[in-house]
Amino acid sequence: MNKFYFAVLLLLVLVSCASRKEIIYLQPSSVELENLYTKHTPRIQQEDLLTITISSADIKATQPFNQQNAYQMQAAAASDLAFKPTYLVDANGEIDFPVLGKVKVGGLSRLEATDRIRERLKQYIVDPGVNLTFANFKVTVLGEVRTPGTYTMKQERVTVLEALGLAGDMTIKGQRNNVLLIREQNGEKQMQRLNLLSDSVLNSPYYYLAQNDVIYVEPNNSQVRNSRFGQDTSVWISITSLMITIITLVVTNSKK
């Protein structure tokens, strides 16, 4: 019997170790980690909404570039919030900016677009300031997470782990080594699988998210089996296995 209990204990330890390896994020590897954010900053795409405000020591000089209609002025006054003009990037990657006209920003990073607009403004304003942000930077998280949904970000530097955190993290049933990321660039869909169990994922160009990315967490194999047979069936199988184990122990002891 001592051998039997030892075998059961050993089996439980092995199962426990295996399960830990299946759920712990960013386990150490031999890969040298790099800082890739500067290489993979989000690029402005068509249908992006950009909030752009212009500032200067001469406030009057900026007024033509921060235009707002009467309705917008009333809404801003009622909400006690400053109105921030928003511009839609069209199919040609351009925005229609007051006074400047069409400005090509598609394919640029936020900082590159800021510099381009600033250079165009210098012929009208001395030392202009440009504040450009994404108004609709959002990602969608689906599958085995606690609160799936679409989340709008206040900043553009967002990682896949941060997005999962917003969704309440993966459930214990989520497959951490095969997370699907769907991204659209230049009108083409890209699909990439990420292994979040290894810290090598930090070197992936998909670790930092782009606007409109979709993250899908697949269920693990046990969850797929449960859905096939039903959770009640799984419970009954566990109870039956326990009863067989107890009967086996009783019979073994009675023969001694």
C-alpha atoms as a PDB file:
ATOM      1  CA  MET A   1       0.000   0.000   0.000  1.00  0.00           C
ATOM      2  CA  ASN A   2       2.882   2.359   0.720  1.00  0.00           C
ATOM      3  CA  LYS A   3       4.016   1.943  -2.860  1.00  0.00           C
ATOM      4  CA  PHE A   4       0.489   2.676  -4.051  1.00  0.00           C
ATOM      5  CA  TYR A   5       0.257   5.924  -2.072  1.00  0.00           C
ATOM      6  CA  PHE A   6       3.739   6.927  -3.220  1.00  0.00           C
ATOM      7  CA  ALA A   7       2.743   6.358  -6.856  1.00  0.00           C
ATOM      8  CA  VAL A   8      -0.423   8.449  -6.417  1.00  0.00           C
ATOM      9  CA  LEU A   9       1.560  11.249  -4.738  1.00  0.00           C
ATOM     10  CA  LEU A  10       4.154  11.205  -7.514  1.00  0.00           C
ATOM     11  CA  LEU A  11       1.419  11.365 -10.128  1.00  0.00           C
ATOM     12  CA  LEU A  12      -0.192  14.373  -8.415  1.00  0.00           C
ATOM     13  CA  VAL A  13       3.162  16.171  -8.287  1.00  0.00           C
ATOM     14  CA  LEU A  14       3.778  15.547 -11.991  1.00  0.00           C
ATOM     15  CA  VAL A  15       0.285  16.748 -12.909  1.00  0.00           C
ATOM     16  CA  SER A  16       0.754  19.848 -10.761  1.00  0.00           C
ATOM     17  CA  CYS A  17       4.063  20.685 -12.457  1.00  0.00           C
ATOM     18  CA  ALA A  18       2.560  20.202 -15.903  1.00  0.00           C
ATOM     19  CA  SER A  19      -0.386  22.465 -15.109  1.00  0.00           C
ATOM     20  CA  ARG A  20       1.899  25.241 -13.821  1.00  0.00           C
ATOM     21  CA  LYS A  21       3.857  25.148 -17.064  1.00  0.00           C
ATOM     22  CA  GLU A  22       0.595  25.564 -18.941  1.00  0.00           C
ATOM     23  CA  ILE A  23      -0.592  28.693 -17.129  1.00  0.00           C
ATOM     24  CA  ILE A  24       2.411  30.796 -16.038  1.00  0.00           C
ATOM     25  CA  TYR A  25       3.132  33.728 -18.349  1.00  0.00           C
ATOM     26  CA  LEU A  26       6.568  34.658 -19.705  1.00  0.00           C
ATOM     27  CA  GLN A  27       8.575  31.681 -18.495  1.00  0.00           C
ATOM     28  CA  PRO A  28      12.337  32.296 -18.955  1.00  0.00           C
ATOM     29  CA  SER A  29      13.963  31.210 -22.199  1.00  0.00           C
ATOM     30  CA  SER A  30      17.412  31.527 -23.719  1.00  0.00           C
ATOM     31  CA  VAL A  31      16.276  34.284 -26.089  1.00  0.00           C
ATOM     32  CA  GLU A  32      17.887  37.702 -25.627  1.00  0.00           C
ATOM     33  CA  LEU A  33      15.165  40.291 -25.108  1.00  0.00           C
ATOM     34  CA  GLU A  34      15.018  43.504 -27.126  1.00  0.00           C
ATOM     35  CA  ASN A  35      13.098  46.768 -26.984  1.00  0.00           C
ATOM     36  CA  LEU A  36      11.089  46.654 -30.198  1.00  0.00           C
ATOM     37  CA  TYR A  37       8.500  49.356 -29.555  1.00  0.00           C
ATOM     38  CA  THR A  38      10.328  52.031 -31.545  1.00  0.00           C
ATOM     39  CA  LYS A  39      10.458  49.650 -34.526  1.00  0.00           C
ATOM     40  CA  HIS A  40       6.765  48.781 -34.353  1.00  0.00           C
ATOM     41  CA  THR A  41       4.946  51.950 -33.333  1.00  0.00           C
ATOM     42  CA  PRO A  42       1.364  52.092 -34.688  1.00  0.00           C
ATOM     43  CA  ARG A  43       0.981  53.723 -38.089  1.00  0.00           C
ATOM     44  CA  ILE A  44      -1.905  55.969 -39.023  1.00  0.00           C
ATOM     45  CA  GLN A  45      -4.433  54.152 -41.218  1.00  0.00           C
ATOM     46  CA  GLN A  46      -7.532  55.115 -43.165  1.00  0.00           C
ATOM     47  CA  GLU A  47     -10.665  55.502 -41.022  1.00  0.00           C
ATOM     48  CA  ASP A  48      -8.540  56.559 -38.038  1.00  0.00           C
ATOM     49  CA  LEU A  49      -9.845  59.503 -36.048  1.00  0.00           C
ATOM     50  CA  LEU A  50      -7.155  61.975 -35.016  1.00  0.00           C
ATOM     51  CA  THR A  51      -7.614  64.651 -32.389  1.00  0.00           C
ATOM     52  CA  ILE A  52      -5.404  67.638 -33.286  1.00  0.00           C
ATOM     53  CA  THR A  53      -5.072  70.893 -31.381  1.00  0.00           C
ATOM     54  CA  ILE A  54      -2.720  73.752 -32.223  1.00  0.00           C
ATOM     55  CA  SER A  55      -1.093  76.010 -29.634  1.00  0.00           C
ATOM     56  CA  SER A  56       1.157  79.060 -29.684  1.00  0.00           C
ATOM     57  CA  ALA A  57       2.182  82.050 -27.596  1.00  0.00           C
ATOM     58  CA  ASP A  58      -0.141  84.068 -29.872  1.00  0.00           C
ATOM     59  CA  ILE A  59      -3.565  82.528 -29.158  1.00  0.00           C
ATOM     60  CA  LYS A  60      -5.290  84.502 -31.905  1.00  0.00           C
ATOM     61  CA  ALA A  61      -2.927  83.054 -34.495  1.00  0.00           C
ATOM     62  CA  THR A  62      -4.094  79.537 -33.629  1.00  0.00           C
ATOM     63  CA  GLN A  63      -7.839  80.204 -33.896  1.00  0.00           C
ATOM     64  CA  PRO A  64      -8.135  79.470 -37.644  1.00  0.00           C
ATOM     65  CA  PHE A  65      -6.552  76.055 -37.013  1.00  0.00           C
ATOM     66  CA  ASN A  66      -8.773  75.122 -34.052  1.00  0.00           C
ATOM     67  CA  GLN A  67     -12.065  75.829 -35.741  1.00  0.00           C
ATOM     68  CA  GLN A  68     -15.348  74.857 -34.149  1.00  0.00           C
ATOM     69  CA  ASN A  69     -18.937  75.580 -35.031  1.00  0.00           C
ATOM     70  CA  ALA A  70     -21.571  77.117 -32.743  1.00  0.00           C
ATOM     71  CA  TYR A  71     -22.977  73.727 -31.689  1.00  0.00           C
ATOM     72  CA  GLN A  72     -19.530  72.495 -30.675  1.00  0.00           C
ATOM     73  CA  MET A  73     -18.872  75.663 -28.686  1.00  0.00           C
ATOM     74  CA  GLN A  74     -22.164  75.245 -26.791  1.00  0.00           C
ATOM     75  CA  ALA A  75     -21.487  71.560 -26.088  1.00  0.00           C
ATOM     76  CA  ALA A  76     -17.989  72.333 -24.802  1.00  0.00           C
ATOM     77  CA  ALA A  77     -19.302  75.104 -22.558  1.00  0.00           C
ATOM     78  CA  ALA A  78     -22.078  72.869 -21.185  1.00  0.00           C
ATOM     79  CA  SER A  79     -19.685  70.047 -20.342  1.00  0.00           C
ATOM     80  CA  ASP A  80     -16.975  72.377 -19.042  1.00  0.00           C
ATOM     81  CA  LEU A  81     -14.518  70.654 -21.385  1.00  0.00           C
ATOM     82  CA  ALA A  82     -12.364  72.221 -24.067  1.00  0.00           C
ATOM     83  CA  PHE A  83     -13.394  71.187 -27.562  1.00  0.00           C
ATOM     84  CA  LYS A  84     -10.791  69.161 -29.433  1.00  0.00           C
ATOM     85  CA  PRO A  85     -11.158  69.063 -33.220  1.00  0.00           C
ATOM     86  CA  THR A  86     -11.183  65.533 -34.655  1.00  0.00           C
ATOM     87  CA  TYR A  87     -10.197  64.621 -38.210  1.00  0.00           C
ATOM     88  CA  LEU A  88     -10.990  61.467 -40.175  1.00  0.00           C
ATOM     89  CA  VAL A  89      -8.220  59.911 -42.271  1.00  0.00           C
ATOM     90  CA  ASP A  90      -9.686  59.264 -45.722  1.00  0.00           C
ATOM     91  CA  ALA A  91      -9.040  56.437 -48.177  1.00  0.00           C
ATOM     92  CA  ASN A  92      -5.994  58.321 -49.517  1.00  0.00           C
ATOM     93  CA  GLY A  93      -4.448  58.624 -46.056  1.00  0.00           C
ATOM     94  CA  GLU A  94      -5.193  62.345 -45.877  1.00  0.00           C
ATOM     95  CA  ILE A  95      -6.961  64.680 -43.473  1.00  0.00           C
ATOM     96  CA  ASP A  96      -8.659  67.932 -44.451  1.00  0.00           C
ATOM     97  CA  PHE A  97      -7.081  70.479 -42.104  1.00  0.00           C
ATOM     98  CA  PRO A  98      -8.186  74.100 -41.730  1.00  0.00           C
ATOM     99  CA  VAL A  99      -6.137  76.537 -43.829  1.00  0.00           C
ATOM    100  CA  LEU A 100      -3.550  73.870 -44.690  1.00  0.00           C
ATOM    101  CA  GLY A 101      -5.994  71.830 -46.785  1.00  0.00           C
ATOM    102  CA  LYS A 102      -5.147  68.178 -47.478  1.00  0.00           C
ATOM    103  CA  VAL A 103      -2.331  66.789 -45.332  1.00  0.00           C
ATOM    104  CA  LYS A 104      -0.957  63.304 -45.978  1.00  0.00           C
ATOM    105  CA  VAL A 105      -0.593  61.424 -42.692  1.00  0.00           C
ATOM    106  CA  GLY A 106      -1.374  57.817 -43.669  1.00  0.00           C
ATOM    107  CA  GLY A 107       1.501  55.446 -42.959  1.00  0.00           C
ATOM    108  CA  LEU A 108       3.149  57.846 -40.513  1.00  0.00           C
ATOM    109  CA  SER A 109       3.581  57.356 -36.796  1.00  0.00           C
ATOM    110  CA  ARG A 110       1.903  59.824 -34.465  1.00  0.00           C
ATOM    111  CA  LEU A 111       5.166  61.705 -33.920  1.00  0.00           C
ATOM    112  CA  GLU A 112       5.967  61.809 -37.642  1.00  0.00           C
ATOM    113  CA  ALA A 113       2.504  63.186 -38.427  1.00  0.00           C
ATOM    114  CA  THR A 114       2.926  65.782 -35.665  1.00  0.00           C
ATOM    115  CA  ASP A 115       6.210  66.960 -37.183  1.00  0.00           C
ATOM    116  CA  ARG A 116       4.686  67.142 -40.680  1.00  0.00           C
ATOM    117  CA  ILE A 117       1.804  69.338 -39.541  1.00  0.00           C
ATOM    118  CA  ARG A 118       4.140  71.518 -37.473  1.00  0.00           C
ATOM    119  CA  GLU A 119       6.352  72.172 -40.505  1.00  0.00           C
ATOM    120  CA  ARG A 120       3.309  73.185 -42.572  1.00  0.00           C
ATOM    121  CA  LEU A 121       2.134  75.539 -39.813  1.00  0.00           C
ATOM    122  CA  LYS A 122       5.413  77.430 -39.534  1.00  0.00           C
ATOM    123  CA  GLN A 123       4.507  79.627 -42.479  1.00  0.00           C
ATOM    124  CA  TYR A 124       1.504  80.917 -40.487  1.00  0.00           C
ATOM    125  CA  ILE A 125       2.504  80.621 -36.808  1.00  0.00           C
ATOM    126  CA  VAL A 126       5.759  81.312 -34.988  1.00  0.00           C
ATOM    127  CA  ASP A 127       6.927  78.231 -33.075  1.00  0.00           C
ATOM    128  CA  PRO A 128       3.617  76.315 -33.278  1.00  0.00           C
ATOM    129  CA  GLY A 129       2.742  73.486 -30.905  1.00  0.00           C
ATOM    130  CA  VAL A 130       0.867  70.431 -32.218  1.00  0.00           C
ATOM    131  CA  ASN A 131      -0.926  67.930 -29.986  1.00  0.00           C
ATOM    132  CA  LEU A 132      -2.011  64.883 -32.029  1.00  0.00           C
ATOM    133  CA  THR A 133      -3.588  61.776 -30.518  1.00  0.00           C
ATOM    134  CA  PHE A 134      -5.642  58.817 -31.696  1.00  0.00           C
ATOM    135  CA  ALA A 135      -9.322  59.322 -30.835  1.00  0.00           C
ATOM    136  CA  ASN A 136     -10.377  55.775 -31.710  1.00  0.00           C
ATOM    137  CA  PHE A 137      -7.440  53.553 -30.774  1.00  0.00           C
ATOM    138  CA  LYS A 138      -9.271  50.388 -29.791  1.00  0.00           C
ATOM    139  CA  VAL A 139      -8.639  46.663 -29.544  1.00  0.00           C
ATOM    140  CA  THR A 140     -11.040  43.741 -29.231  1.00  0.00           C
ATOM    141  CA  VAL A 141     -10.448  40.789 -26.896  1.00  0.00           C
ATOM    142  CA  LEU A 142     -12.538  37.645 -27.371  1.00  0.00           C
ATOM    143  CA  GLY A 143     -12.642  34.031 -26.226  1.00  0.00           C
ATOM    144  CA  GLU A 144     -11.556  32.630 -22.869  1.00  0.00           C
ATOM    145  CA  VAL A 145     -11.225  35.909 -20.953  1.00  0.00           C
ATOM    146  CA  ARG A 146     -13.318  37.133 -18.042  1.00  0.00           C
ATOM    147  CA  THR A 147     -14.818  40.194 -19.752  1.00  0.00           C
ATOM    148  CA  PRO A 148     -14.577  39.984 -23.551  1.00  0.00           C
ATOM    149  CA  GLY A 149     -15.267  43.165 -25.482  1.00  0.00           C
ATOM    150  CA  THR A 150     -13.861  46.139 -27.367  1.00  0.00           C
ATOM    151  CA  TYR A 151     -11.680  48.543 -25.388  1.00  0.00           C
ATOM    152  CA  THR A 152     -10.737  52.102 -26.335  1.00  0.00           C
ATOM    153  CA  MET A 153      -7.230  53.105 -25.284  1.00  0.00           C
ATOM    154  CA  LYS A 154      -6.084  56.503 -24.107  1.00  0.00           C
ATOM    155  CA  GLN A 155      -2.562  55.842 -25.360  1.00  0.00           C
ATOM    156  CA  GLU A 156      -1.050  54.112 -28.360  1.00  0.00           C
ATOM    157  CA  ARG A 157       1.601  52.122 -26.503  1.00  0.00           C
ATOM    158  CA  VAL A 158      -0.427  49.051 -25.598  1.00  0.00           C
ATOM    159  CA  THR A 159       0.828  45.483 -25.241  1.00  0.00           C
ATOM    160  CA  VAL A 160      -1.087  42.238 -25.676  1.00  0.00           C
ATOM    161  CA  LEU A 161      -0.739  41.605 -21.929  1.00  0.00           C
ATOM    162  CA  GLU A 162      -2.225  45.003 -21.107  1.00  0.00           C
ATOM    163  CA  ALA A 163      -5.183  44.293 -23.409  1.00  0.00           C
ATOM    164  CA  LEU A 164      -5.748  40.935 -21.695  1.00  0.00           C
ATOM    165  CA  GLY A 165      -5.578  42.758 -18.361  1.00  0.00           C
ATOM    166  CA  LEU A 166      -8.347  45.121 -19.457  1.00  0.00           C
ATOM    167  CA  ALA A 167     -10.435  42.049 -20.311  1.00  0.00           C
ATOM    168  CA  GLY A 168      -9.913  40.641 -16.814  1.00  0.00           C
ATOM    169  CA  ASP A 169      -7.122  38.257 -17.874  1.00  0.00           C
ATOM    170  CA  MET A 170      -7.557  34.800 -19.378  1.00  0.00           C
ATOM    171  CA  THR A 171      -9.640  32.250 -17.555  1.00  0.00           C
ATOM    172  CA  ILE A 172      -7.898  29.087 -16.388  1.00  0.00           C
ATOM    173  CA  LYS A 173      -9.421  27.431 -19.470  1.00  0.00           C
ATOM    174  CA  GLY A 174      -7.627  29.719 -21.942  1.00  0.00           C
ATOM    175  CA  GLN A 175      -4.848  28.368 -24.164  1.00  0.00           C
ATOM    176  CA  ARG A 176      -1.908  30.586 -23.318  1.00  0.00           C
ATOM    177  CA  ASN A 177       0.575  29.181 -25.820  1.00  0.00           C
ATOM    178  CA  ASN A 178      -1.574  29.771 -28.909  1.00  0.00           C
ATOM    179  CA  VAL A 179      -3.201  33.211 -28.675  1.00  0.00           C
ATOM    180  CA  LEU A 180      -4.453  34.450 -32.043  1.00  0.00           C
ATOM    181  CA  LEU A 181      -3.893  38.085 -33.033  1.00  0.00           C
ATOM    182  CA  ILE A 182      -5.648  39.487 -36.110  1.00  0.00           C
ATOM    183  CA  ARG A 183      -4.373  42.736 -37.600  1.00  0.00           C
ATOM    184  CA  GLU A 184      -5.264  44.706 -40.719  1.00  0.00           C
ATOM    185  CA  GLN A 185      -2.517  46.613 -42.517  1.00  0.00           C
ATOM    186  CA  ASN A 186      -2.835  48.303 -45.888  1.00  0.00           C
ATOM    187  CA  GLY A 187      -6.205  46.629 -46.399  1.00  0.00           C
ATOM    188  CA  GLU A 188      -4.837  43.126 -45.783  1.00  0.00           C
ATOM    189  CA  LYS A 189      -5.617  40.857 -42.843  1.00  0.00           C
ATOM    190  CA  GLN A 190      -2.701  39.320 -40.949  1.00  0.00           C
ATOM    191  CA  MET A 191      -2.987  36.454 -38.459  1.00  0.00           C
ATOM    192  CA  GLN A 192      -0.290  35.694 -35.916  1.00  0.00           C
ATOM    193  CA  ARG A 193      -0.078  33.120 -33.107  1.00  0.00           C
ATOM    194  CA  LEU A 194       1.562  34.193 -29.841  1.00  0.00           C
ATOM    195  CA  ASN A 195       2.978  31.954 -27.119  1.00  0.00           C
ATOM    196  CA  LEU A 196       2.503  33.899 -23.893  1.00  0.00           C
ATOM    197  CA  LEU A 197       4.070  31.110 -21.830  1.00  0.00           C
ATOM    198  CA  SER A 198       7.549  32.089 -23.072  1.00  0.00           C
ATOM    199  CA  ASP A 199       9.267  35.419 -22.493  1.00  0.00           C
ATOM    200  CA  SER A 200      10.429  35.256 -26.124  1.00  0.00           C
ATOM    201  CA  VAL A 201       7.018  36.736 -27.019  1.00  0.00           C
ATOM    202  CA  LEU A 202       8.428  40.075 -25.828  1.00  0.00           C
ATOM    203  CA  ASN A 203      10.513  40.124 -29.014  1.00  0.00           C
ATOM    204  CA  SER A 204       7.516  39.608 -31.277  1.00  0.00           C
ATOM    205  CA  PRO A 205       6.542  42.540 -33.535  1.00  0.00           C
ATOM    206  CA  TYR A 206       2.962  41.722 -32.509  1.00  0.00           C
ATOM    207  CA  TYR A 207       3.598  42.123 -28.774  1.00  0.00           C
ATOM    208  CA  TYR A 208       2.773  45.838 -29.119  1.00  0.00           C
ATOM    209  CA  LEU A 209      -0.718  46.297 -30.506  1.00  0.00           C
ATOM    210  CA  ALA A 210      -1.947  48.445 -33.365  1.00  0.00           C
ATOM    211  CA  GLN A 211      -5.351  50.099 -33.562  1.00  0.00           C
ATOM    212  CA  ASN A 212      -8.255  47.733 -34.314  1.00  0.00           C
ATOM    213  CA  ASP A 213      -6.279  44.593 -33.414  1.00  0.00           C
ATOM    214  CA  VAL A 214      -8.368  41.571 -32.420  1.00  0.00           C
ATOM    215  CA  ILE A 215      -7.109  39.099 -29.807  1.00  0.00           C
ATOM    216  CA  TYR A 216      -8.762  35.682 -29.590  1.00  0.00           C
ATOM    217  CA  VAL A 217      -7.997  33.270 -26.755  1.00  0.00           C
ATOM    218  CA  GLU A 218      -8.840  29.692 -27.671  1.00  0.00           C
ATOM    219  CA  PRO A 219     -10.185  27.213 -25.084  1.00  0.00           C
ATOM    220  CA  ASN A 220      -7.770  24.520 -23.996  1.00  0.00           C
ATOM    221  CA  ASN A 221      -8.308  20.849 -24.808  1.00  0.00           C
ATOM    222  CA  SER A 222     -10.063  20.005 -21.547  1.00  0.00           C
ATOM    223  CA  GLN A 223     -12.565  22.811 -22.104  1.00  0.00           C
ATOM    224  CA  VAL A 224     -13.242  21.575 -25.637  1.00  0.00           C
ATOM    225  CA  ARG A 225     -13.890  18.077 -24.298  1.00  0.00           C
ATOM    226  CA  ASN A 226     -16.189  19.442 -21.615  1.00  0.00           C
ATOM    227  CA  SER A 227     -18.209  21.352 -24.182  1.00  0.00           C
ATOM    228  CA  ARG A 228     -18.560  18.197 -26.254  1.00  0.00           C
ATOM    229  CA  PHE A 229     -19.808  15.936 -23.485  1.00  0.00           C
ATOM    230  CA  GLY A 230     -21.279  18.534 -21.202  1.00  0.00           C
ATOM    231  CA  GLN A 231     -20.124  19.605 -17.766  1.00  0.00           C
ATOM    232  CA  ASP A 232     -22.529  17.190 -16.042  1.00  0.00           C
ATOM    233  CA  THR A 233     -20.882  14.283 -17.833  1.00  0.00           C
ATOM    234  CA  SER A 234     -17.470  15.475 -16.662  1.00  0.00           C
ATOM    235  CA  VAL A 235     -18.707  15.617 -13.070  1.00  0.00           C
ATOM    236  CA  TRP A 236     -20.151  12.103 -13.248  1.00  0.00           C
ATOM    237  CA  ILE A 237     -16.918  10.750 -14.711  1.00  0.00           C
ATOM    238  CA  SER A 238     -14.988  12.291 -11.810  1.00  0.00           C
ATOM    239  CA  ILE A 239     -17.410  10.834  -9.252  1.00  0.00           C
ATOM    240  CA  THR A 240     -17.243   7.400 -10.881  1.00  0.00           C
ATOM    241  CA  SER A 241     -13.444   7.474 -10.902  1.00  0.00           C
ATOM    242  CA  LEU A 242     -13.417   8.402  -7.219  1.00  0.00           C
ATOM    243  CA  MET A 243     -15.839   5.578  -6.346  1.00  0.00           C
ATOM    244  CA  ILE A 244     -13.729   3.033  -8.252  1.00  0.00           C
ATOM    245  CA  THR A 245     -10.627   4.195  -6.376  1.00  0.00           C
ATOM    246  CA  ILE A 246     -12.393   3.871  -2.994  1.00  0.00           C
ATOM    247  CA  ILE A 247     -13.770   0.408  -3.822  1.00  0.00           C
ATOM    248  CA  THR A 248     -10.319  -0.731  -4.958  1.00  0.00           C
ATOM    249  CA  LEU A 249      -8.766   0.437  -1.677  1.00  0.00           C
ATOM    250  CA  VAL A 250     -11.506  -1.247   0.413  1.00  0.00           C
ATOM    251  CA  VAL A 251     -11.168  -4.554  -1.449  1.00  0.00           C
ATOM    252  CA  THR A 252      -7.389  -4.466  -1.179  1.00  0.00           C
ATOM    253  CA  ASN A 253      -7.510  -3.828   2.569  1.00  0.00           C
ATOM    254  CA  SER A 254     -10.135  -6.598   3.130  1.00  0.00           C
ATOM    255  CA  LYS A 255      -7.845  -9.212   1.550  1.00  0.00           C
ATOM    256  CA  LYS A 256      -5.072  -8.520   4.041  1.00  0.00           C
END
